[in-house]
N, C-alpha and C. Protein backbone atom coordinates (compact mmCIF):
# COMPACT_ATOMS: atom_id res chain seq x y z
N UNK A 1 -77.01 62.51 7.34
CA UNK A 1 -77.76 62.86 8.52
C UNK A 1 -77.66 64.36 8.80
N UNK A 2 -76.50 64.94 8.60
CA UNK A 2 -76.29 66.36 8.85
C UNK A 2 -77.22 67.21 7.99
N UNK A 3 -77.32 66.86 6.70
CA UNK A 3 -78.17 67.63 5.79
C UNK A 3 -79.64 67.49 6.17
N UNK A 4 -80.04 66.31 6.60
CA UNK A 4 -81.43 66.10 7.04
C UNK A 4 -81.73 66.97 8.27
N UNK A 5 -80.77 67.03 9.21
CA UNK A 5 -80.93 67.87 10.39
C UNK A 5 -81.12 69.33 9.99
N UNK A 6 -80.28 69.82 9.08
CA UNK A 6 -80.39 71.21 8.63
C UNK A 6 -81.72 71.46 7.93
N UNK A 7 -82.16 70.49 7.14
CA UNK A 7 -83.43 70.62 6.43
C UNK A 7 -84.60 70.75 7.41
N UNK A 8 -84.59 69.94 8.45
CA UNK A 8 -85.68 69.94 9.43
C UNK A 8 -85.68 71.21 10.28
N UNK A 9 -84.50 71.68 10.67
CA UNK A 9 -84.41 72.79 11.62
C UNK A 9 -84.16 74.14 10.97
N UNK A 10 -84.02 74.19 9.67
CA UNK A 10 -83.62 75.40 8.95
C UNK A 10 -84.43 76.64 9.31
N UNK A 11 -85.72 76.55 9.34
CA UNK A 11 -86.56 77.72 9.59
C UNK A 11 -87.24 77.68 10.95
N UNK A 12 -86.71 76.85 11.85
CA UNK A 12 -87.34 76.72 13.16
C UNK A 12 -86.40 77.08 14.29
N UNK A 13 -86.93 76.97 15.47
CA UNK A 13 -86.19 77.31 16.68
C UNK A 13 -85.78 76.04 17.41
N UNK A 14 -84.51 75.97 17.81
CA UNK A 14 -84.03 74.86 18.62
C UNK A 14 -84.08 75.33 20.08
N UNK A 15 -84.82 74.60 20.89
CA UNK A 15 -85.06 74.98 22.28
C UNK A 15 -84.11 74.24 23.20
N UNK A 16 -83.52 74.95 24.14
CA UNK A 16 -82.63 74.36 25.13
C UNK A 16 -83.44 73.87 26.32
N UNK A 17 -83.34 72.58 26.63
CA UNK A 17 -84.00 71.99 27.79
C UNK A 17 -82.91 71.47 28.72
N UNK A 18 -82.42 72.33 29.58
CA UNK A 18 -81.31 71.98 30.46
C UNK A 18 -81.52 72.61 31.83
N UNK A 19 -81.10 71.90 32.86
CA UNK A 19 -81.10 72.46 34.22
C UNK A 19 -79.93 71.84 34.98
N UNK A 20 -79.25 72.66 35.73
CA UNK A 20 -78.11 72.21 36.53
C UNK A 20 -78.59 71.59 37.84
N UNK A 21 -77.77 70.76 38.47
CA UNK A 21 -78.18 70.09 39.71
C UNK A 21 -78.67 71.02 40.81
N UNK A 22 -78.19 72.23 40.86
CA UNK A 22 -78.61 73.16 41.91
C UNK A 22 -79.84 73.99 41.53
N UNK A 23 -80.46 73.69 40.41
CA UNK A 23 -81.63 74.45 39.94
C UNK A 23 -82.93 73.68 40.21
N UNK A 24 -84.03 74.38 40.45
CA UNK A 24 -85.29 73.75 40.83
C UNK A 24 -85.85 72.76 39.79
N UNK A 25 -85.59 72.97 38.52
CA UNK A 25 -86.15 72.10 37.49
C UNK A 25 -85.24 70.93 37.12
N UNK A 26 -84.19 70.70 37.89
CA UNK A 26 -83.25 69.63 37.57
C UNK A 26 -83.90 68.27 37.79
N UNK A 27 -84.27 67.62 36.69
CA UNK A 27 -84.90 66.30 36.70
C UNK A 27 -85.05 65.85 35.26
N UNK A 28 -84.70 64.61 34.97
CA UNK A 28 -84.86 64.09 33.61
C UNK A 28 -86.32 64.06 33.20
N UNK A 29 -87.19 63.74 34.16
CA UNK A 29 -88.62 63.74 33.86
C UNK A 29 -89.08 65.14 33.47
N UNK A 30 -88.68 66.14 34.25
CA UNK A 30 -89.09 67.52 33.95
C UNK A 30 -88.52 67.96 32.61
N UNK A 31 -87.27 67.62 32.31
CA UNK A 31 -86.68 68.02 31.03
C UNK A 31 -87.42 67.36 29.86
N UNK A 32 -87.84 66.11 30.04
CA UNK A 32 -88.60 65.45 28.97
C UNK A 32 -89.95 66.12 28.76
N UNK A 33 -90.58 66.58 29.83
CA UNK A 33 -91.86 67.28 29.71
C UNK A 33 -91.68 68.67 29.12
N UNK A 34 -90.55 69.32 29.45
CA UNK A 34 -90.24 70.62 28.84
C UNK A 34 -90.04 70.45 27.33
N UNK A 35 -89.38 69.36 26.94
CA UNK A 35 -89.18 69.09 25.52
C UNK A 35 -90.52 68.84 24.82
N UNK A 36 -91.41 68.13 25.48
CA UNK A 36 -92.74 67.90 24.92
C UNK A 36 -93.49 69.22 24.76
N UNK A 37 -93.41 70.08 25.76
CA UNK A 37 -94.05 71.39 25.67
C UNK A 37 -93.45 72.21 24.53
N UNK A 38 -92.14 72.13 24.36
CA UNK A 38 -91.47 72.84 23.27
C UNK A 38 -91.95 72.32 21.92
N UNK A 39 -92.08 71.00 21.81
CA UNK A 39 -92.57 70.41 20.56
C UNK A 39 -93.99 70.89 20.27
N UNK A 40 -94.84 70.86 21.28
CA UNK A 40 -96.23 71.28 21.09
C UNK A 40 -96.33 72.76 20.73
N UNK A 41 -95.33 73.54 21.12
CA UNK A 41 -95.29 74.98 20.78
C UNK A 41 -94.64 75.24 19.43
N UNK A 42 -94.17 74.18 18.76
CA UNK A 42 -93.63 74.33 17.42
C UNK A 42 -92.12 74.30 17.29
N UNK A 43 -91.41 73.88 18.32
CA UNK A 43 -89.95 73.81 18.24
C UNK A 43 -89.51 72.88 17.11
N UNK A 44 -88.40 73.24 16.47
CA UNK A 44 -87.85 72.42 15.40
C UNK A 44 -86.86 71.39 15.92
N UNK A 45 -86.33 71.61 17.12
CA UNK A 45 -85.35 70.71 17.70
C UNK A 45 -85.14 71.03 19.17
N UNK A 46 -84.37 70.15 19.83
CA UNK A 46 -84.10 70.29 21.25
C UNK A 46 -82.59 70.21 21.48
N UNK A 47 -82.11 71.04 22.39
CA UNK A 47 -80.72 70.97 22.86
C UNK A 47 -80.78 70.55 24.31
N UNK A 48 -80.04 69.49 24.67
CA UNK A 48 -80.11 68.95 26.03
C UNK A 48 -78.73 68.57 26.55
N UNK A 49 -78.66 68.45 27.87
CA UNK A 49 -77.41 68.12 28.55
C UNK A 49 -77.59 66.86 29.38
N UNK A 50 -76.63 66.02 29.40
CA UNK A 50 -76.51 64.79 30.19
C UNK A 50 -77.18 63.61 29.48
N UNK A 51 -76.56 62.47 29.63
CA UNK A 51 -77.05 61.25 28.99
C UNK A 51 -78.45 60.90 29.48
N UNK A 52 -78.68 61.03 30.76
CA UNK A 52 -79.98 60.68 31.34
C UNK A 52 -81.09 61.57 30.79
N UNK A 53 -80.85 62.87 30.72
CA UNK A 53 -81.84 63.80 30.16
C UNK A 53 -82.09 63.51 28.69
N UNK A 54 -81.02 63.26 27.95
CA UNK A 54 -81.14 63.00 26.51
C UNK A 54 -81.98 61.75 26.27
N UNK A 55 -81.74 60.69 27.03
CA UNK A 55 -82.54 59.47 26.88
C UNK A 55 -84.00 59.72 27.21
N UNK A 56 -84.27 60.46 28.27
CA UNK A 56 -85.66 60.75 28.66
C UNK A 56 -86.36 61.57 27.59
N UNK A 57 -85.65 62.52 27.00
CA UNK A 57 -86.23 63.36 25.95
C UNK A 57 -86.49 62.54 24.69
N UNK A 58 -85.56 61.66 24.34
CA UNK A 58 -85.75 60.80 23.17
C UNK A 58 -86.98 59.90 23.33
N UNK A 59 -87.25 59.48 24.55
CA UNK A 59 -88.43 58.65 24.81
C UNK A 59 -89.73 59.45 24.68
N UNK A 60 -89.64 60.77 24.81
CA UNK A 60 -90.84 61.62 24.84
C UNK A 60 -91.15 62.28 23.50
N UNK A 61 -90.14 62.71 22.75
CA UNK A 61 -90.37 63.44 21.50
C UNK A 61 -89.52 62.87 20.37
N UNK A 62 -89.96 63.13 19.15
CA UNK A 62 -89.23 62.66 17.98
C UNK A 62 -88.55 63.79 17.22
N UNK A 63 -88.26 64.87 17.91
CA UNK A 63 -87.57 66.00 17.29
C UNK A 63 -86.07 65.73 17.18
N UNK A 64 -85.39 66.41 16.25
CA UNK A 64 -83.93 66.34 16.23
C UNK A 64 -83.38 66.82 17.58
N UNK A 65 -82.32 66.19 18.02
CA UNK A 65 -81.78 66.46 19.35
C UNK A 65 -80.28 66.72 19.29
N UNK A 66 -79.87 67.83 19.86
CA UNK A 66 -78.45 68.13 20.03
C UNK A 66 -78.13 67.78 21.47
N UNK A 67 -77.36 66.74 21.67
CA UNK A 67 -76.99 66.31 23.01
C UNK A 67 -75.55 66.65 23.32
N UNK A 68 -75.33 67.15 24.52
CA UNK A 68 -73.97 67.46 24.93
C UNK A 68 -73.79 67.13 26.40
N UNK A 69 -72.56 66.92 26.76
CA UNK A 69 -72.23 66.69 28.17
C UNK A 69 -71.27 67.78 28.60
N UNK A 70 -71.74 68.64 29.46
CA UNK A 70 -70.91 69.74 29.95
C UNK A 70 -70.10 69.26 31.15
N UNK A 71 -68.81 69.49 31.08
CA UNK A 71 -67.93 69.09 32.16
C UNK A 71 -67.01 70.26 32.48
N UNK A 72 -66.90 70.59 33.74
CA UNK A 72 -65.96 71.62 34.17
C UNK A 72 -64.64 70.96 34.53
N UNK A 73 -63.59 71.39 33.87
CA UNK A 73 -62.26 70.88 34.17
C UNK A 73 -61.49 71.93 34.95
N UNK A 74 -60.72 71.49 35.94
CA UNK A 74 -59.94 72.47 36.72
C UNK A 74 -58.86 73.14 35.89
């Protein structure tokens, strides 16, 4: 799977579709639409944050997805 990911994204741009709770675009629906816009613009992959956003993006686009969960620890 790793080699397939590299093959697909090798010469393309991976676009970050993320928004924090205090930001105006914070919404899984909006992130999924941003991912669709990125795909239509030629993105090779998507980087996203939170399980909910990742699921919404997977439902919208078939691009490779780097999913992460950012957590601030004290």
